[in-house]
PDB file of all heavy atoms in Angstrom:
ATOM      1  N   ALA A   1      -7.781   5.761  10.160  1.00  0.00           N
ATOM      2  CA  ALA A   1      -8.345   4.445   9.549  1.00  0.00           C
ATOM      3  C   ALA A   1      -7.316   3.906   8.576  1.00  0.00           C
ATOM      4  O   ALA A   1      -7.025   2.649   8.582  1.00  0.00           O
ATOM      5  CB  ALA A   1      -9.701   4.700   8.893  1.00  0.00           C
ATOM      6  N   CYS A   2      -6.850   4.758   7.599  1.00  0.00           N
ATOM      7  CA  CYS A   2      -5.830   4.278   6.633  1.00  0.00           C
ATOM      8  C   CYS A   2      -4.618   3.836   7.291  1.00  0.00           C
ATOM      9  O   CYS A   2      -3.989   2.840   6.972  1.00  0.00           O
ATOM     10  CB  CYS A   2      -5.508   5.379   5.696  1.00  0.00           C
ATOM     11  SG  CYS A   2      -6.874   5.821   4.500  1.00  0.00           S
ATOM     12  N   GLU A   3      -4.149   4.546   8.385  1.00  0.00           N
ATOM     13  CA  GLU A   3      -2.916   4.182   9.101  1.00  0.00           C
ATOM     14  C   GLU A   3      -3.167   2.845   9.762  1.00  0.00           C
ATOM     15  O   GLU A   3      -2.137   2.006   9.820  1.00  0.00           O
ATOM     16  CB  GLU A   3      -2.627   5.298  10.146  1.00  0.00           C
ATOM     17  CG  GLU A   3      -2.276   6.666   9.558  1.00  0.00           C
ATOM     18  CD  GLU A   3      -3.488   7.542   9.164  1.00  0.00           C
ATOM     19  OE1 GLU A   3      -4.645   6.974   9.158  1.00  0.00           O
ATOM     20  OE2 GLU A   3      -3.263   8.705   8.989  1.00  0.00           O
ATOM     21  N   ALA A   4      -4.261   2.647  10.367  1.00  0.00           N
ATOM     22  CA  ALA A   4      -4.518   1.324  11.094  1.00  0.00           C
ATOM     23  C   ALA A   4      -4.415   0.198  10.149  1.00  0.00           C
ATOM     24  O   ALA A   4      -3.895  -0.886  10.382  1.00  0.00           O
ATOM     25  CB  ALA A   4      -5.900   1.409  11.763  1.00  0.00           C
ATOM     26  N   ASP A   5      -5.025   0.248   8.886  1.00  0.00           N
ATOM     27  CA  ASP A   5      -5.069  -0.760   7.893  1.00  0.00           C
ATOM     28  C   ASP A   5      -3.585  -0.998   7.300  1.00  0.00           C
ATOM     29  O   ASP A   5      -3.360  -2.111   6.956  1.00  0.00           O
ATOM     30  CB  ASP A   5      -6.094  -0.579   6.873  1.00  0.00           C
ATOM     31  CG  ASP A   5      -7.450  -1.047   7.346  1.00  0.00           C
ATOM     32  OD1 ASP A   5      -7.603  -1.514   8.499  1.00  0.00           O
ATOM     33  OD2 ASP A   5      -8.437  -1.007   6.495  1.00  0.00           O
ATOM     34  N   LEU A   6      -2.898   0.009   7.243  1.00  0.00           N
ATOM     35  CA  LEU A   6      -1.455  -0.131   6.830  1.00  0.00           C
ATOM     36  C   LEU A   6      -0.689  -0.866   7.898  1.00  0.00           C
ATOM     37  O   LEU A   6       0.153  -1.716   7.617  1.00  0.00           O
ATOM     38  CB  LEU A   6      -0.827   1.146   6.429  1.00  0.00           C
ATOM     39  CG  LEU A   6      -1.271   1.855   5.202  1.00  0.00           C
ATOM     40  CD1 LEU A   6      -0.695   3.188   5.009  1.00  0.00           C
ATOM     41  CD2 LEU A   6      -1.035   1.018   3.961  1.00  0.00           C
ATOM     42  N   ASN A   7      -0.971  -0.582   9.110  1.00  0.00           N
ATOM     43  CA  ASN A   7      -0.290  -1.199  10.242  1.00  0.00           C
ATOM     44  C   ASN A   7      -0.574  -2.678  10.266  1.00  0.00           C
ATOM     45  O   ASN A   7       0.290  -3.489  10.661  1.00  0.00           O
ATOM     46  CB  ASN A   7      -0.699  -0.485  11.577  1.00  0.00           C
ATOM     47  CG  ASN A   7       0.079  -0.985  12.812  1.00  0.00           C
ATOM     48  OD1 ASN A   7       1.301  -0.907  12.815  1.00  0.00           O
ATOM     49  ND2 ASN A   7      -0.543  -1.567  13.769  1.00  0.00           N
ATOM     50  N   VAL A   8      -1.766  -3.065   9.891  1.00  0.00           N
ATOM     51  CA  VAL A   8      -2.176  -4.430   9.790  1.00  0.00           C
ATOM     52  C   VAL A   8      -1.248  -5.239   8.907  1.00  0.00           C
ATOM     53  O   VAL A   8      -1.064  -6.476   9.097  1.00  0.00           O
ATOM     54  CB  VAL A   8      -3.614  -4.550   9.362  1.00  0.00           C
ATOM     55  CG1 VAL A   8      -3.998  -5.967   9.035  1.00  0.00           C
ATOM     56  CG2 VAL A   8      -4.524  -4.086  10.508  1.00  0.00           C
ATOM     57  N   LEU A   9      -0.763  -4.642   7.849  1.00  0.00           N
ATOM     58  CA  LEU A   9       0.147  -5.332   6.987  1.00  0.00           C
ATOM     59  C   LEU A   9       1.399  -5.911   7.603  1.00  0.00           C
ATOM     60  O   LEU A   9       2.010  -6.899   7.078  1.00  0.00           O
ATOM     61  CB  LEU A   9       0.631  -4.365   5.793  1.00  0.00           C
ATOM     62  CG  LEU A   9      -0.473  -3.960   4.861  1.00  0.00           C
ATOM     63  CD1 LEU A   9       0.109  -2.919   3.900  1.00  0.00           C
ATOM     64  CD2 LEU A   9      -1.037  -5.137   4.051  1.00  0.00           C
ATOM     65  N   GLY A  10       1.761  -5.501   8.769  1.00  0.00           N
ATOM     66  CA  GLY A  10       2.927  -6.012   9.518  1.00  0.00           C
ATOM     67  C   GLY A  10       2.535  -7.157  10.374  1.00  0.00           C
ATOM     68  O   GLY A  10       3.431  -7.765  10.931  1.00  0.00           O
ATOM     69  N   THR A  11       1.321  -7.529  10.429  1.00  0.00           N
ATOM     70  CA  THR A  11       0.888  -8.709  11.273  1.00  0.00           C
ATOM     71  C   THR A  11       1.162  -9.987  10.508  1.00  0.00           C
ATOM     72  O   THR A  11       1.519 -10.038   9.321  1.00  0.00           O
ATOM     73  CB  THR A  11      -0.599  -8.626  11.620  1.00  0.00           C
ATOM     74  OG1 THR A  11      -1.325  -8.759  10.426  1.00  0.00           O
ATOM     75  CG2 THR A  11      -0.974  -7.312  12.304  1.00  0.00           C
ATOM     76  N   LEU A  12       1.138 -11.063  11.174  1.00  0.00           N
ATOM     77  CA  LEU A  12       1.515 -12.331  10.657  1.00  0.00           C
ATOM     78  C   LEU A  12       0.573 -12.845   9.571  1.00  0.00           C
ATOM     79  O   LEU A  12       0.979 -13.669   8.760  1.00  0.00           O
ATOM     80  CB  LEU A  12       1.691 -13.465  11.719  1.00  0.00           C
ATOM     81  CG  LEU A  12       0.417 -13.727  12.663  1.00  0.00           C
ATOM     82  CD1 LEU A  12      -0.494 -14.752  12.026  1.00  0.00           C
ATOM     83  CD2 LEU A  12       0.935 -14.260  14.049  1.00  0.00           C
ATOM     84  N   VAL A  13      -0.644 -12.375   9.504  1.00  0.00           N
ATOM     85  CA  VAL A  13      -1.600 -12.795   8.502  1.00  0.00           C
ATOM     86  C   VAL A  13      -1.107 -12.290   7.174  1.00  0.00           C
ATOM     87  O   VAL A  13      -1.098 -12.940   6.066  1.00  0.00           O
ATOM     88  CB  VAL A  13      -2.986 -12.164   8.730  1.00  0.00           C
ATOM     89  CG1 VAL A  13      -3.926 -12.523   7.540  1.00  0.00           C
ATOM     90  CG2 VAL A  13      -3.555 -12.874  10.001  1.00  0.00           C
ATOM     91  N   PHE A  14      -0.635 -11.005   7.056  1.00  0.00           N
ATOM     92  CA  PHE A  14      -0.170 -10.399   5.766  1.00  0.00           C
ATOM     93  C   PHE A  14       1.371 -10.528   5.593  1.00  0.00           C
ATOM     94  O   PHE A  14       1.892 -10.701   4.551  1.00  0.00           O
ATOM     95  CB  PHE A  14      -0.654  -8.908   5.731  1.00  0.00           C
ATOM     96  CG  PHE A  14      -2.131  -8.763   5.813  1.00  0.00           C
ATOM     97  CD1 PHE A  14      -2.749  -8.527   6.935  1.00  0.00           C
ATOM     98  CD2 PHE A  14      -2.885  -8.924   4.548  1.00  0.00           C
ATOM     99  CE1 PHE A  14      -4.167  -8.388   6.938  1.00  0.00           C
ATOM    100  CE2 PHE A  14      -4.207  -8.798   4.675  1.00  0.00           C
ATOM    101  CZ  PHE A  14      -4.898  -8.503   5.836  1.00  0.00           C
ATOM    102  N   ASP A  15       2.059 -10.252   6.684  1.00  0.00           N
ATOM    103  CA  ASP A  15       3.629 -10.392   6.712  1.00  0.00           C
ATOM    104  C   ASP A  15       4.237  -9.686   5.591  1.00  0.00           C
ATOM    105  O   ASP A  15       4.893 -10.289   4.688  1.00  0.00           O
ATOM    106  CB  ASP A  15       3.923 -11.854   6.737  1.00  0.00           C
ATOM    107  CG  ASP A  15       5.381 -12.084   7.082  1.00  0.00           C
ATOM    108  OD1 ASP A  15       6.056 -11.186   7.482  1.00  0.00           O
ATOM    109  OD2 ASP A  15       5.898 -13.206   6.824  1.00  0.00           O
ATOM    110  N   LEU A  16       4.047  -8.393   5.553  1.00  0.00           N
ATOM    111  CA  LEU A  16       4.625  -7.529   4.539  1.00  0.00           C
ATOM    112  C   LEU A  16       6.068  -7.758   4.305  1.00  0.00           C
ATOM    113  O   LEU A  16       6.633  -7.719   3.200  1.00  0.00           O
ATOM    114  CB  LEU A  16       4.339  -6.078   4.825  1.00  0.00           C
ATOM    115  CG  LEU A  16       4.592  -5.027   3.737  1.00  0.00           C
ATOM    116  CD1 LEU A  16       3.755  -5.174   2.522  1.00  0.00           C
ATOM    117  CD2 LEU A  16       4.548  -3.581   4.318  1.00  0.00           C
ATOM    118  N   GLY A  17       6.802  -8.026   5.420  1.00  0.00           N
ATOM    119  CA  GLY A  17       8.213  -8.217   5.230  1.00  0.00           C
ATOM    120  C   GLY A  17       8.694  -9.346   4.453  1.00  0.00           C
ATOM    121  O   GLY A  17       9.811  -9.342   3.848  1.00  0.00           O
ATOM    122  N   ARG A  18       7.839 -10.398   4.196  1.00  0.00           N
ATOM    123  CA  ARG A  18       8.241 -11.572   3.401  1.00  0.00           C
ATOM    124  C   ARG A  18       8.400 -11.126   1.922  1.00  0.00           C
ATOM    125  O   ARG A  18       8.998 -11.926   1.161  1.00  0.00           O
ATOM    126  CB  ARG A  18       7.225 -12.690   3.456  1.00  0.00           C
ATOM    127  CG  ARG A  18       5.826 -12.388   3.032  1.00  0.00           C
ATOM    128  CD  ARG A  18       4.870 -13.489   3.389  1.00  0.00           C
ATOM    129  NE  ARG A  18       3.491 -12.974   3.282  1.00  0.00           N
ATOM    130  CZ  ARG A  18       2.559 -13.467   2.492  1.00  0.00           C
ATOM    131  NH1 ARG A  18       2.865 -14.497   1.641  1.00  0.00           N
ATOM    132  NH2 ARG A  18       1.424 -12.952   2.380  1.00  0.00           N
ATOM    133  N   PHE A  19       7.880  -9.970   1.548  1.00  0.00           N
ATOM    134  CA  PHE A  19       8.046  -9.461   0.181  1.00  0.00           C
ATOM    135  C   PHE A  19       9.163  -8.488   0.064  1.00  0.00           C
ATOM    136  O   PHE A  19       9.380  -7.883  -0.974  1.00  0.00           O
ATOM    137  CB  PHE A  19       6.736  -8.781  -0.335  1.00  0.00           C
ATOM    138  CG  PHE A  19       5.575  -9.652  -0.265  1.00  0.00           C
ATOM    139  CD1 PHE A  19       4.542  -9.452   0.685  1.00  0.00           C
ATOM    140  CD2 PHE A  19       5.377 -10.670  -1.148  1.00  0.00           C
ATOM    141  CE1 PHE A  19       3.459 -10.377   0.721  1.00  0.00           C
ATOM    142  CE2 PHE A  19       4.360 -11.559  -1.104  1.00  0.00           C
ATOM    143  CZ  PHE A  19       3.362 -11.412  -0.246  1.00  0.00           C
ATOM    144  N   GLY A  20       9.940  -8.322   1.176  1.00  0.00           N
ATOM    145  CA  GLY A  20      10.948  -7.333   1.170  1.00  0.00           C
ATOM    146  C   GLY A  20      10.581  -5.927   1.383  1.00  0.00           C
ATOM    147  O   GLY A  20      11.349  -4.988   1.044  1.00  0.00           O
ATOM    148  N   ILE A  21       9.265  -5.730   1.750  1.00  0.00           N
ATOM    149  CA  ILE A  21       8.725  -4.342   2.051  1.00  0.00           C
ATOM    150  C   ILE A  21       8.724  -4.089   3.471  1.00  0.00           C
ATOM    151  O   ILE A  21       8.131  -4.856   4.235  1.00  0.00           O
ATOM    152  CB  ILE A  21       7.404  -4.182   1.365  1.00  0.00           C
ATOM    153  CG1 ILE A  21       7.513  -4.569  -0.179  1.00  0.00           C
ATOM    154  CG2 ILE A  21       6.928  -2.699   1.471  1.00  0.00           C
ATOM    155  CD1 ILE A  21       6.125  -4.713  -0.810  1.00  0.00           C
ATOM    156  N   GLN A  22       9.215  -3.005   3.898  1.00  0.00           N
ATOM    157  CA  GLN A  22       9.107  -2.612   5.377  1.00  0.00           C
ATOM    158  C   GLN A  22       8.872  -1.108   5.498  1.00  0.00           C
ATOM    159  O   GLN A  22       9.188  -0.256   4.712  1.00  0.00           O
ATOM    160  CB  GLN A  22      10.499  -2.914   6.009  1.00  0.00           C
ATOM    161  CG  GLN A  22      10.795  -4.371   6.109  1.00  0.00           C
ATOM    162  CD  GLN A  22      12.138  -4.653   6.684  1.00  0.00           C
ATOM    163  OE1 GLN A  22      13.181  -3.903   6.461  1.00  0.00           O
ATOM    164  NE2 GLN A  22      12.274  -5.659   7.575  1.00  0.00           N
ATOM    165  N   PHE A  23       8.224  -0.836   6.667  1.00  0.00           N
ATOM    166  CA  PHE A  23       8.071   0.612   7.108  1.00  0.00           C
ATOM    167  C   PHE A  23       9.142   0.951   8.036  1.00  0.00           C
ATOM    168  O   PHE A  23       9.540   0.171   8.888  1.00  0.00           O
ATOM    169  CB  PHE A  23       6.693   0.846   7.748  1.00  0.00           C
ATOM    170  CG  PHE A  23       5.551   0.713   6.823  1.00  0.00           C
ATOM    171  CD1 PHE A  23       4.655  -0.408   6.900  1.00  0.00           C
ATOM    172  CD2 PHE A  23       5.302   1.645   5.841  1.00  0.00           C
ATOM    173  CE1 PHE A  23       3.625  -0.455   6.052  1.00  0.00           C
ATOM    174  CE2 PHE A  23       4.239   1.614   5.002  1.00  0.00           C
ATOM    175  CZ  PHE A  23       3.374   0.525   5.041  1.00  0.00           C
ATOM    176  N   VAL A  24       9.865   2.098   7.796  1.00  0.00           N
ATOM    177  CA  VAL A  24      10.949   2.493   8.608  1.00  0.00           C
ATOM    178  C   VAL A  24      10.710   3.771   9.345  1.00  0.00           C
ATOM    179  O   VAL A  24       9.766   4.504   8.966  1.00  0.00           O
ATOM    180  CB  VAL A  24      12.232   2.659   7.773  1.00  0.00           C
ATOM    181  CG1 VAL A  24      12.583   1.333   7.110  1.00  0.00           C
ATOM    182  CG2 VAL A  24      11.951   3.720   6.600  1.00  0.00           C
TER     183      VAL A  24
END
């Protein structure tokens, strides 16, 4: 559940990458 909601951060709604944060 936690993993799924963290994965959501990479979608276009949240777009985590625009803040310079990425999962590697």
